[in-house]
Amino acid sequence: MAVAVNADSLGSWFLPAAARFSERAGHLLAVTVDDQDHTAEWLKRGQVLAAVTSLAKPVSGCRALPLGALRYRATASPAFLARHFPSGVTAEALADAPSLTFNQKDLLQEQWAKVALGCEAALSGHWLPSTQAFVDACLLGLGWGMNPDLLVRDHLKAGRLVELVPGAHLDIPLFWQINRMAADQLVQLTAAIAQAAKTCLEPAKSKI
């Protein structure tokens, strides 16, 4: 069964649902990874049967199930924060501090800066196409980045990571879009994903 999933969902909450489905149904999954704003394109092209996407409007021939929101926090190591933001987090300081970007489609850092600071920020930094590498890079002081709360909450509690602006999280609503023609085949997978999302994701509200 071909599905498309954003990397951060795959790296945080999606796999337990996939494992539960595979164990019960015995089907194999072919998972394509893309940005949450672009996974729906795979549905439109007929290359997958379902997708985790940020697109709320159903793709033609599909139905959309709201999953909740994946919460992100702008995090860095304490040493990185002290070195690059000695006078606080400002647009000017962000322009000089290395950020982390997944790929050319990744705009989460810019979205967070605009909402958290109320202004545009010119960002530059390292490109790391790996969800786990984002966390590791932040821990090592390579840069600051937007990490799923699910992956960094223990590091934040332990003080290994800190938020750039405490409490200024970014919630990205996610949806499970399913090809209507294949909906019956995906009943068990949809149920597993809905249960995992209910357990792990935040209720979809405003982005901050």
Protein backbone atom coordinates (compact mmCIF):
# COMPACT_ATOMS: atom_id res chain seq x y z
CA MET A 1 0.00 0.00 0.00
CA ALA A 2 1.59 3.26 -1.14
CA VAL A 3 1.26 6.23 1.22
CA ALA A 4 2.97 9.61 1.54
CA VAL A 5 4.04 10.99 4.92
CA ASN A 6 5.96 14.05 6.06
CA ALA A 7 9.36 13.27 7.58
CA ASP A 8 8.59 14.64 11.05
CA SER A 9 5.45 12.52 11.38
CA LEU A 10 7.40 9.49 10.19
CA GLY A 11 10.10 10.24 12.75
CA SER A 12 7.78 10.85 15.69
CA TRP A 13 4.28 9.27 15.73
CA PHE A 14 3.47 7.52 12.43
CA LEU A 15 5.58 4.36 12.70
CA PRO A 16 3.77 2.86 15.73
CA ALA A 17 0.52 3.18 13.79
CA ALA A 18 2.10 1.55 10.72
CA ALA A 19 3.47 -1.30 12.84
CA ARG A 20 0.10 -1.88 14.49
CA PHE A 21 -1.60 -1.97 11.11
CA SER A 22 0.97 -4.28 9.53
CA GLU A 23 0.84 -6.72 12.45
CA ARG A 24 -2.95 -6.96 12.32
CA ALA A 25 -3.57 -6.76 8.57
CA GLY A 26 -0.42 -8.34 7.17
CA HIS A 27 -0.10 -5.76 4.40
CA LEU A 28 3.14 -4.13 3.30
CA LEU A 29 3.59 -0.36 3.08
CA ALA A 30 5.51 1.68 0.54
CA VAL A 31 6.13 4.99 2.29
CA THR A 32 7.10 8.11 0.35
CA VAL A 33 8.51 11.04 2.34
CA ASP A 34 7.83 14.65 1.41
CA ASP A 35 7.08 17.97 3.06
CA GLN A 36 3.63 18.12 4.70
CA ASP A 37 2.67 20.92 2.31
CA HIS A 38 3.52 18.71 -0.67
CA THR A 39 2.49 15.12 0.22
CA ALA A 40 -0.95 15.80 -1.28
CA GLU A 41 0.71 16.20 -4.68
CA TRP A 42 1.44 12.46 -4.62
CA LEU A 43 -2.28 11.84 -4.17
CA LYS A 44 -3.17 14.17 -7.02
CA ARG A 45 -0.80 12.28 -9.32
CA GLY A 46 -2.28 8.94 -8.27
CA GLN A 47 1.08 7.69 -6.96
CA VAL A 48 -0.19 6.93 -3.44
CA LEU A 49 -3.51 5.83 -1.94
CA ALA A 50 -3.34 8.09 1.10
CA ALA A 51 -1.22 10.83 2.62
CA VAL A 52 -0.51 12.69 5.84
CA THR A 53 -0.74 16.30 4.71
CA SER A 54 -1.27 19.84 5.94
CA LEU A 55 -3.84 20.33 3.17
CA ALA A 56 -7.32 20.54 4.71
CA LYS A 57 -9.28 20.72 1.45
CA PRO A 58 -9.81 17.22 0.07
CA VAL A 59 -7.93 16.39 -3.10
CA SER A 60 -10.30 15.51 -5.94
CA GLY A 61 -11.54 11.96 -5.41
CA CYS A 62 -10.36 11.88 -1.80
CA ARG A 63 -11.73 12.47 1.66
CA ALA A 64 -9.86 14.19 4.48
CA LEU A 65 -9.77 13.18 8.15
CA PRO A 66 -8.46 15.78 10.63
CA LEU A 67 -5.69 14.27 12.76
CA GLY A 68 -4.69 17.13 15.06
CA ALA A 69 -1.60 19.30 15.07
CA LEU A 70 2.07 18.42 15.25
CA ARG A 71 3.60 20.85 17.74
CA TYR A 72 7.02 22.31 16.99
CA ARG A 73 9.36 24.19 19.29
CA ALA A 74 12.27 26.41 18.26
CA THR A 75 15.12 24.84 20.17
CA ALA A 76 18.86 25.16 20.62
CA SER A 77 21.51 24.17 23.13
CA PRO A 78 21.96 26.49 26.13
CA ALA A 79 25.48 27.32 24.93
CA PHE A 80 24.21 28.19 21.44
CA LEU A 81 21.53 30.45 22.88
CA ALA A 82 24.04 32.24 25.11
CA ARG A 83 26.52 32.68 22.25
CA HIS A 84 24.13 33.92 19.56
CA PHE A 85 21.40 35.63 21.56
CA PRO A 86 23.11 37.35 24.51
CA SER A 87 20.63 40.25 24.35
CA GLY A 88 17.57 38.20 23.46
CA VAL A 89 16.01 36.76 20.31
CA THR A 90 15.49 39.47 17.69
CA ALA A 91 15.18 39.47 13.90
CA GLU A 92 18.72 40.88 13.68
CA ALA A 93 20.14 38.18 15.95
CA LEU A 94 18.30 35.45 14.03
CA ALA A 95 19.87 36.68 10.79
CA ASP A 96 23.32 36.02 12.25
CA ALA A 97 22.59 32.75 14.07
CA PRO A 98 22.82 29.54 11.99
CA SER A 99 19.43 27.89 11.60
CA LEU A 100 18.62 24.36 10.44
CA THR A 101 16.59 23.70 7.28
CA PHE A 102 15.37 20.27 6.15
CA ASN A 103 15.32 21.12 2.43
CA GLN A 104 14.19 23.84 0.03
CA LYS A 105 10.53 23.11 0.86
CA ASP A 106 11.01 23.64 4.59
CA LEU A 107 9.60 27.00 5.70
CA LEU A 108 8.90 26.22 9.36
CA GLN A 109 11.75 28.35 10.69
CA GLU A 110 10.54 31.39 8.74
CA GLN A 111 6.92 30.78 9.80
CA TRP A 112 7.91 30.57 13.46
CA ALA A 113 10.04 33.73 13.29
CA LYS A 114 7.22 35.69 11.67
CA VAL A 115 4.64 34.61 14.23
CA ALA A 116 6.89 34.65 17.32
CA LEU A 117 8.56 37.99 16.58
CA GLY A 118 5.90 39.66 14.46
CA CYS A 119 8.33 40.41 11.65
CA GLU A 120 10.22 38.81 8.79
CA ALA A 121 13.64 37.38 9.54
CA ALA A 122 16.35 36.65 6.97
CA LEU A 123 17.63 33.21 7.94
CA SER A 124 20.62 31.23 6.78
CA GLY A 125 22.29 28.09 8.01
CA HIS A 126 22.73 24.37 7.56
CA TRP A 127 20.61 22.03 5.44
CA LEU A 128 19.98 18.68 7.14
CA PRO A 129 17.43 16.36 5.49
CA SER A 130 16.84 14.21 8.58
CA THR A 131 14.39 14.60 11.46
CA GLN A 132 16.75 12.97 13.97
CA ALA A 133 19.70 14.98 12.67
CA PHE A 134 17.77 18.16 13.51
CA VAL A 135 17.57 17.11 17.15
CA ASP A 136 21.18 15.94 17.27
CA ALA A 137 22.42 19.13 15.59
CA CYS A 138 20.60 21.27 18.14
CA LEU A 139 22.07 19.24 21.00
CA LEU A 140 25.55 19.66 19.51
CA GLY A 141 25.16 23.42 19.06
CA LEU A 142 25.34 23.34 15.27
CA GLY A 143 22.29 25.58 14.93
CA TRP A 144 18.73 26.20 16.06
CA GLY A 145 15.77 24.49 14.50
CA MET A 146 12.09 23.62 14.66
CA ASN A 147 11.76 20.22 16.30
CA PRO A 148 8.61 18.23 17.07
CA ASP A 149 7.75 18.54 20.75
CA LEU A 150 7.41 14.75 20.82
CA LEU A 151 11.14 14.42 20.12
CA VAL A 152 12.57 17.19 22.32
CA ARG A 153 10.35 17.40 25.40
CA ASP A 154 12.69 15.18 27.44
CA HIS A 155 15.71 17.22 26.32
CA LEU A 156 13.90 20.42 27.31
CA LYS A 157 13.00 19.03 30.73
CA ALA A 158 16.59 17.95 31.30
CA GLY A 159 17.99 21.31 30.18
CA ARG A 160 19.95 19.85 27.29
CA LEU A 161 17.87 22.06 24.97
CA VAL A 162 16.08 25.36 25.54
CA GLU A 163 13.41 27.22 23.61
CA LEU A 164 14.48 30.38 21.80
CA VAL A 165 11.26 32.04 22.97
CA PRO A 166 9.71 30.04 25.82
CA GLY A 167 6.16 28.98 25.05
CA ALA A 168 6.21 30.22 21.44
CA HIS A 169 5.38 26.91 19.79
CA LEU A 170 4.14 26.38 16.26
CA ASP A 171 1.25 23.97 15.66
CA ILE A 172 0.91 22.51 12.17
CA PRO A 173 -2.53 20.91 11.57
CA LEU A 174 -2.34 17.55 9.81
CA PHE A 175 -4.92 15.57 7.83
CA TRP A 176 -5.16 12.01 6.57
CA GLN A 177 -6.35 12.18 3.00
CA ILE A 178 -7.57 8.93 1.44
CA ASN A 179 -8.43 7.99 -2.11
CA ARG A 180 -12.15 7.20 -1.98
CA MET A 181 -11.74 4.25 -4.33
CA ALA A 182 -9.27 2.66 -1.89
CA ALA A 183 -10.98 3.68 1.35
CA ASP A 184 -12.23 0.17 2.10
CA GLN A 185 -8.71 -1.23 1.75
CA LEU A 186 -7.42 1.40 4.18
CA VAL A 187 -9.97 1.05 6.98
CA GLN A 188 -7.55 -0.66 9.38
CA LEU A 189 -4.66 1.67 8.52
CA THR A 190 -6.91 4.70 8.94
CA ALA A 191 -8.07 3.44 12.34
CA ALA A 192 -4.47 2.89 13.50
CA ILE A 193 -3.40 6.33 12.31
CA ALA A 194 -6.39 8.04 13.89
CA GLN A 195 -5.64 6.35 17.24
CA ALA A 196 -1.95 7.27 17.13
CA ALA A 197 -2.78 10.85 16.19
CA LYS A 198 -5.30 11.14 19.03
CA THR A 199 -2.64 9.96 21.47
CA CYS A 200 0.32 11.96 20.18
CA LEU A 201 -0.90 15.10 18.41
CA GLU A 202 -2.29 18.32 19.80
CA PRO A 203 -5.88 19.46 19.19
CA ALA A 204 -5.73 21.62 16.07
CA LYS A 205 -5.94 25.28 17.08
CA SER A 206 -4.12 28.44 16.06
CA LYS A 207 -0.50 28.08 15.02
CA ILE A 208 0.95 29.67 18.14
